[in-house]
């Protein structure tokens, strides 16, 4: 025969196990939700920076081209490398002489047309 005390203990153990599993999954869902919110926040911040970068770059290049009129190319190359947030762009331009030649040609065409 079944012992009623044993049945109650088994049922309590099953309920306790179910509660532990439920708490574990609740904590895990909360943790993953936090990570998702943090990732979303970082992605939105990165997207905003990417959207702003062309505007920032165009301002820097406009200033750079306007200062080229004075004939101080080396000084402008150095200043482009020291613009916060654009160091890699400046280094890329300076490390590739063909880009500098293109920039100079465009600037000269701008001077002749204007």
C-alpha atoms as a PDB file:
ATOM      1  CA  UNK A   1       0.000   0.000   0.000  1.00  0.00           C
ATOM      2  CA  UNK A   2       0.999   3.555  -0.618  1.00  0.00           C
ATOM      3  CA  UNK A   3       2.108   5.532   2.400  1.00  0.00           C
ATOM      4  CA  UNK A   4       0.250   8.899   2.481  1.00  0.00           C
ATOM      5  CA  UNK A   5       3.238  10.582   4.180  1.00  0.00           C
ATOM      6  CA  UNK A   6       5.583   9.469   1.405  1.00  0.00           C
ATOM      7  CA  UNK A   7       3.208  10.765  -1.250  1.00  0.00           C
ATOM      8  CA  UNK A   8       3.022  14.181   0.402  1.00  0.00           C
ATOM      9  CA  UNK A   9       6.818  14.416   0.662  1.00  0.00           C
ATOM     10  CA  UNK A  10       7.225  13.460  -2.992  1.00  0.00           C
ATOM     11  CA  UNK A  11       4.693  16.073  -4.010  1.00  0.00           C
ATOM     12  CA  UNK A  12       6.443  18.729  -1.888  1.00  0.00           C
ATOM     13  CA  UNK A  13       9.797  17.830  -3.453  1.00  0.00           C
ATOM     14  CA  UNK A  14       8.316  18.120  -6.920  1.00  0.00           C
ATOM     15  CA  UNK A  15       6.814  21.510  -6.057  1.00  0.00           C
ATOM     16  CA  UNK A  16      10.119  22.696  -4.576  1.00  0.00           C
ATOM     17  CA  UNK A  17      11.998  21.489  -7.666  1.00  0.00           C
ATOM     18  CA  UNK A  18       9.477  23.278  -9.886  1.00  0.00           C
ATOM     19  CA  UNK A  19       9.924  26.517  -7.917  1.00  0.00           C
ATOM     20  CA  UNK A  20      13.740  26.284  -8.177  1.00  0.00           C
ATOM     21  CA  UNK A  21      13.533  25.718 -11.909  1.00  0.00           C
ATOM     22  CA  UNK A  22      11.080  28.605 -12.268  1.00  0.00           C
ATOM     23  CA  UNK A  23      13.344  30.956 -10.275  1.00  0.00           C
ATOM     24  CA  UNK A  24      16.373  29.899 -12.314  1.00  0.00           C
ATOM     25  CA  UNK A  25      14.645  30.591 -15.622  1.00  0.00           C
ATOM     26  CA  UNK A  26      13.197  33.878 -14.336  1.00  0.00           C
ATOM     27  CA  UNK A  27      16.683  35.055 -13.326  1.00  0.00           C
ATOM     28  CA  UNK A  28      18.083  33.933 -16.667  1.00  0.00           C
ATOM     29  CA  UNK A  29      15.355  35.778 -18.602  1.00  0.00           C
ATOM     30  CA  UNK A  30      16.009  38.915 -16.535  1.00  0.00           C
ATOM     31  CA  UNK A  31      19.758  38.638 -17.188  1.00  0.00           C
ATOM     32  CA  UNK A  32      19.280  38.146 -20.936  1.00  0.00           C
ATOM     33  CA  UNK A  33      16.814  41.050 -21.059  1.00  0.00           C
ATOM     34  CA  UNK A  34      19.411  43.302 -19.413  1.00  0.00           C
ATOM     35  CA  UNK A  35      22.069  42.205 -21.887  1.00  0.00           C
ATOM     36  CA  UNK A  36      19.688  42.837 -24.780  1.00  0.00           C
ATOM     37  CA  UNK A  37      18.872  46.337 -23.530  1.00  0.00           C
ATOM     38  CA  UNK A  38      22.584  47.118 -23.128  1.00  0.00           C
ATOM     39  CA  UNK A  39      23.329  45.811 -26.626  1.00  0.00           C
ATOM     40  CA  UNK A  40      20.472  47.839 -28.099  1.00  0.00           C
ATOM     41  CA  UNK A  41      21.741  50.956 -26.353  1.00  0.00           C
ATOM     42  CA  UNK A  42      25.267  50.423 -27.663  1.00  0.00           C
ATOM     43  CA  UNK A  43      23.967  49.758 -31.171  1.00  0.00           C
ATOM     44  CA  UNK A  44      21.900  52.957 -31.162  1.00  0.00           C
ATOM     45  CA  UNK A  45      24.882  54.968 -29.908  1.00  0.00           C
ATOM     46  CA  UNK A  46      27.122  53.475 -32.598  1.00  0.00           C
ATOM     47  CA  UNK A  47      24.484  54.149 -35.288  1.00  0.00           C
ATOM     48  CA  UNK A  48      24.218  57.785 -34.168  1.00  0.00           C
ATOM     49  CA  UNK A  49      28.008  58.145 -34.396  1.00  0.00           C
ATOM     50  CA  UNK A  50      28.046  56.603 -37.862  1.00  0.00           C
ATOM     51  CA  UNK A  51      25.306  58.981 -39.030  1.00  0.00           C
ATOM     52  CA  UNK A  52      27.222  61.966 -37.631  1.00  0.00           C
ATOM     53  CA  UNK A  53      30.622  60.959 -39.043  1.00  0.00           C
ATOM     54  CA  UNK A  54      30.076  62.153 -42.666  1.00  0.00           C
ATOM     55  CA  UNK A  55      29.021  65.582 -41.405  1.00  0.00           C
ATOM     56  CA  UNK A  56      32.041  65.783 -39.115  1.00  0.00           C
ATOM     57  CA  UNK A  57      34.354  64.574 -41.879  1.00  0.00           C
ATOM     58  CA  UNK A  58      32.930  67.020 -44.428  1.00  0.00           C
ATOM     59  CA  UNK A  59      33.471  69.924 -42.021  1.00  0.00           C
ATOM     60  CA  UNK A  60      37.066  68.889 -41.407  1.00  0.00           C
ATOM     61  CA  UNK A  61      37.754  68.423 -45.117  1.00  0.00           C
ATOM     62  CA  UNK A  62      36.083  71.733 -45.959  1.00  0.00           C
ATOM     63  CA  UNK A  63      38.293  73.502 -43.420  1.00  0.00           C
ATOM     64  CA  UNK A  64      41.293  71.602 -44.710  1.00  0.00           C
ATOM     65  CA  UNK A  65      40.612  72.587 -48.354  1.00  0.00           C
ATOM     66  CA  UNK A  66      39.977  76.189 -47.420  1.00  0.00           C
ATOM     67  CA  UNK A  67      43.328  76.326 -45.629  1.00  0.00           C
ATOM     68  CA  UNK A  68      45.114  74.756 -48.603  1.00  0.00           C
ATOM     69  CA  UNK A  69      44.821  78.099 -50.384  1.00  0.00           C
ATOM     70  CA  UNK A  70      47.580  79.399 -48.172  1.00  0.00           C
ATOM     71  CA  UNK A  71      49.978  76.771 -49.557  1.00  0.00           C
ATOM     72  CA  UNK A  72      50.729  75.073 -46.259  1.00  0.00           C
ATOM     73  CA  UNK A  73      49.990  71.483 -47.272  1.00  0.00           C
ATOM     74  CA  UNK A  74      52.318  69.877 -44.728  1.00  0.00           C
ATOM     75  CA  UNK A  75      50.795  71.859 -41.880  1.00  0.00           C
ATOM     76  CA  UNK A  76      47.293  70.872 -42.974  1.00  0.00           C
ATOM     77  CA  UNK A  77      48.275  67.216 -43.234  1.00  0.00           C
ATOM     78  CA  UNK A  78      49.519  67.361 -39.654  1.00  0.00           C
ATOM     79  CA  UNK A  79      46.367  69.111 -38.436  1.00  0.00           C
ATOM     80  CA  UNK A  80      44.148  66.514 -40.113  1.00  0.00           C
ATOM     81  CA  UNK A  81      45.969  63.771 -38.191  1.00  0.00           C
ATOM     82  CA  UNK A  82      45.299  65.537 -34.891  1.00  0.00           C
ATOM     83  CA  UNK A  83      41.545  65.993 -35.272  1.00  0.00           C
ATOM     84  CA  UNK A  84      39.890  63.995 -32.448  1.00  0.00           C
ATOM     85  CA  UNK A  85      37.971  61.032 -33.794  1.00  0.00           C
ATOM     86  CA  UNK A  86      39.472  61.251 -37.273  1.00  0.00           C
ATOM     87  CA  UNK A  87      43.015  60.071 -36.591  1.00  0.00           C
ATOM     88  CA  UNK A  88      42.631  56.896 -38.654  1.00  0.00           C
ATOM     89  CA  UNK A  89      41.163  58.836 -41.594  1.00  0.00           C
ATOM     90  CA  UNK A  90      44.052  61.312 -41.482  1.00  0.00           C
ATOM     91  CA  UNK A  91      46.604  58.530 -41.282  1.00  0.00           C
ATOM     92  CA  UNK A  92      44.963  56.760 -44.193  1.00  0.00           C
ATOM     93  CA  UNK A  93      45.094  59.890 -46.327  1.00  0.00           C
ATOM     94  CA  UNK A  94      48.686  60.627 -45.405  1.00  0.00           C
ATOM     95  CA  UNK A  95      49.859  57.066 -45.953  1.00  0.00           C
ATOM     96  CA  UNK A  96      48.421  56.970 -49.457  1.00  0.00           C
ATOM     97  CA  UNK A  97      50.113  59.570 -51.663  1.00  0.00           C
ATOM     98  CA  UNK A  98      47.654  58.920 -54.496  1.00  0.00           C
ATOM     99  CA  UNK A  99      44.825  60.223 -52.269  1.00  0.00           C
ATOM    100  CA  UNK A 100      46.819  63.349 -51.469  1.00  0.00           C
ATOM    101  CA  UNK A 101      47.436  63.884 -55.199  1.00  0.00           C
ATOM    102  CA  UNK A 102      43.716  63.551 -55.903  1.00  0.00           C
ATOM    103  CA  UNK A 103      42.914  66.035 -53.129  1.00  0.00           C
ATOM    104  CA  UNK A 104      45.457  68.503 -54.515  1.00  0.00           C
ATOM    105  CA  UNK A 105      44.084  68.120 -58.063  1.00  0.00           C
ATOM    106  CA  UNK A 106      40.513  68.666 -56.845  1.00  0.00           C
ATOM    107  CA  UNK A 107      41.620  71.708 -54.865  1.00  0.00           C
ATOM    108  CA  UNK A 108      43.455  73.132 -57.903  1.00  0.00           C
ATOM    109  CA  UNK A 109      40.407  72.567 -60.109  1.00  0.00           C
ATOM    110  CA  UNK A 110      38.324  74.332 -57.484  1.00  0.00           C
ATOM    111  CA  UNK A 111      40.712  77.316 -57.544  1.00  0.00           C
ATOM    112  CA  UNK A 112      40.647  77.536 -61.373  1.00  0.00           C
ATOM    113  CA  UNK A 113      36.860  77.288 -61.589  1.00  0.00           C
ATOM    114  CA  UNK A 114      36.134  79.725 -58.785  1.00  0.00           C
END
